[in-house]
Amino acid sequence: MRVLLGRLTKKISHLVWTLFSTGALLFVLGLLVYFSEAVLRFLAGFFVLALGFMFLFGAYRLWTIKKDIEKFFHF
């Protein structure tokens, strides 16, 4: 049980850092949009790409957590 909790803690920690860094990046991009309208089109596309990456990475992390739980309990 300790091994499973260690793996889950590590994977959740990676997910938290990914969400934090994505949020910080989006905050900086929001400031750029506020101060410069010329970059707005580029940043809108980048926002969509960053949001898509965040969802894909979150889904991958949750899938690996699911696999670890299945491996631990032998489902």
C-alpha atoms as a PDB file:
ATOM      1  CA  MET A   1       0.000   0.000   0.000  1.00  0.00           C
ATOM      2  CA  ARG A   2       2.898   2.318   0.759  1.00  0.00           C
ATOM      3  CA  VAL A   3       4.272   1.829  -2.776  1.00  0.00           C
ATOM      4  CA  LEU A   4       0.929   2.745  -4.337  1.00  0.00           C
ATOM      5  CA  LEU A   5       0.585   5.873  -2.216  1.00  0.00           C
ATOM      6  CA  GLY A   6       4.132   6.897  -3.110  1.00  0.00           C
ATOM      7  CA  ARG A   7       3.437   6.534  -6.829  1.00  0.00           C
ATOM      8  CA  LEU A   8       0.129   8.392  -6.567  1.00  0.00           C
ATOM      9  CA  THR A   9       1.732  11.202  -4.584  1.00  0.00           C
ATOM     10  CA  LYS A  10       4.493  11.551  -7.172  1.00  0.00           C
ATOM     11  CA  LYS A  11       2.085  11.615 -10.126  1.00  0.00           C
ATOM     12  CA  ILE A  12      -0.271  14.076  -8.450  1.00  0.00           C
ATOM     13  CA  SER A  13       2.710  16.282  -7.626  1.00  0.00           C
ATOM     14  CA  HIS A  14       3.726  16.293 -11.310  1.00  0.00           C
ATOM     15  CA  LEU A  15       0.166  17.171 -12.302  1.00  0.00           C
ATOM     16  CA  VAL A  16       0.063  20.052  -9.815  1.00  0.00           C
ATOM     17  CA  TRP A  17       3.338  21.469 -11.118  1.00  0.00           C
ATOM     18  CA  THR A  18       2.114  21.214 -14.693  1.00  0.00           C
ATOM     19  CA  LEU A  19      -1.122  23.015 -13.892  1.00  0.00           C
ATOM     20  CA  PHE A  20       0.781  25.666 -11.918  1.00  0.00           C
ATOM     21  CA  SER A  21       3.263  26.347 -14.704  1.00  0.00           C
ATOM     22  CA  THR A  22       0.487  26.466 -17.304  1.00  0.00           C
ATOM     23  CA  GLY A  23      -1.442  28.916 -15.126  1.00  0.00           C
ATOM     24  CA  ALA A  24       1.624  31.126 -14.702  1.00  0.00           C
ATOM     25  CA  LEU A  25       2.241  31.082 -18.445  1.00  0.00           C
ATOM     26  CA  LEU A  26      -1.382  31.999 -19.146  1.00  0.00           C
ATOM     27  CA  PHE A  27      -1.147  34.846 -16.633  1.00  0.00           C
ATOM     28  CA  VAL A  28       1.895  36.288 -18.397  1.00  0.00           C
ATOM     29  CA  LEU A  29       0.199  35.902 -21.772  1.00  0.00           C
ATOM     30  CA  GLY A  30      -2.871  37.656 -20.368  1.00  0.00           C
ATOM     31  CA  LEU A  31      -0.694  40.608 -19.391  1.00  0.00           C
ATOM     32  CA  LEU A  32       0.764  40.706 -22.896  1.00  0.00           C
ATOM     33  CA  VAL A  33      -2.724  40.750 -24.409  1.00  0.00           C
ATOM     34  CA  TYR A  34      -3.726  43.583 -22.092  1.00  0.00           C
ATOM     35  CA  PHE A  35      -0.790  45.746 -23.122  1.00  0.00           C
ATOM     36  CA  SER A  36      -0.533  44.851 -26.825  1.00  0.00           C
ATOM     37  CA  GLU A  37      -3.402  44.299 -29.233  1.00  0.00           C
ATOM     38  CA  ALA A  38      -1.096  43.315 -32.101  1.00  0.00           C
ATOM     39  CA  VAL A  39      -0.187  40.062 -30.383  1.00  0.00           C
ATOM     40  CA  LEU A  40      -3.791  39.171 -29.564  1.00  0.00           C
ATOM     41  CA  ARG A  41      -4.325  36.847 -32.530  1.00  0.00           C
ATOM     42  CA  PHE A  42      -1.149  34.903 -31.850  1.00  0.00           C
ATOM     43  CA  LEU A  43      -1.910  34.627 -28.149  1.00  0.00           C
ATOM     44  CA  ALA A  44      -5.463  33.450 -28.749  1.00  0.00           C
ATOM     45  CA  GLY A  45      -4.126  30.575 -30.838  1.00  0.00           C
ATOM     46  CA  PHE A  46      -1.418  29.863 -28.291  1.00  0.00           C
ATOM     47  CA  PHE A  47      -4.016  29.827 -25.515  1.00  0.00           C
ATOM     48  CA  VAL A  48      -6.010  27.181 -27.344  1.00  0.00           C
ATOM     49  CA  LEU A  49      -2.867  25.095 -27.868  1.00  0.00           C
ATOM     50  CA  ALA A  50      -1.786  25.462 -24.234  1.00  0.00           C
ATOM     51  CA  LEU A  51      -5.254  24.548 -22.986  1.00  0.00           C
ATOM     52  CA  GLY A  52      -5.333  21.503 -25.234  1.00  0.00           C
ATOM     53  CA  PHE A  53      -1.905  20.409 -24.014  1.00  0.00           C
ATOM     54  CA  MET A  54      -2.979  20.864 -20.405  1.00  0.00           C
ATOM     55  CA  PHE A  55      -6.026  18.641 -20.901  1.00  0.00           C
ATOM     56  CA  LEU A  56      -4.041  15.984 -22.751  1.00  0.00           C
ATOM     57  CA  PHE A  57      -1.335  15.916 -20.110  1.00  0.00           C
ATOM     58  CA  GLY A  58      -3.909  15.786 -17.309  1.00  0.00           C
ATOM     59  CA  ALA A  59      -5.668  12.904 -19.023  1.00  0.00           C
ATOM     60  CA  TYR A  60      -2.364  11.057 -19.418  1.00  0.00           C
ATOM     61  CA  ARG A  61      -1.517  11.525 -15.745  1.00  0.00           C
ATOM     62  CA  LEU A  62      -4.935  10.277 -14.643  1.00  0.00           C
ATOM     63  CA  TRP A  63      -4.575   7.270 -16.959  1.00  0.00           C
ATOM     64  CA  THR A  64      -1.211   6.376 -15.415  1.00  0.00           C
ATOM     65  CA  ILE A  65      -2.716   6.680 -11.922  1.00  0.00           C
ATOM     66  CA  LYS A  66      -5.523   4.345 -13.002  1.00  0.00           C
ATOM     67  CA  LYS A  67      -2.998   1.848 -14.362  1.00  0.00           C
ATOM     68  CA  ASP A  68      -1.029   1.942 -11.095  1.00  0.00           C
ATOM     69  CA  ILE A  69      -4.187   1.275  -9.079  1.00  0.00           C
ATOM     70  CA  GLU A  70      -5.140  -1.614 -11.368  1.00  0.00           C
ATOM     71  CA  LYS A  71      -1.632  -3.032 -11.135  1.00  0.00           C
ATOM     72  CA  PHE A  72      -1.620  -2.773  -7.351  1.00  0.00           C
ATOM     73  CA  PHE A  73      -5.028  -4.389  -6.838  1.00  0.00           C
ATOM     74  CA  HIS A  74      -4.646  -6.829  -9.788  1.00  0.00           C
ATOM     75  CA  PHE A  75      -7.937  -5.962 -11.503  1.00  0.00           C
END
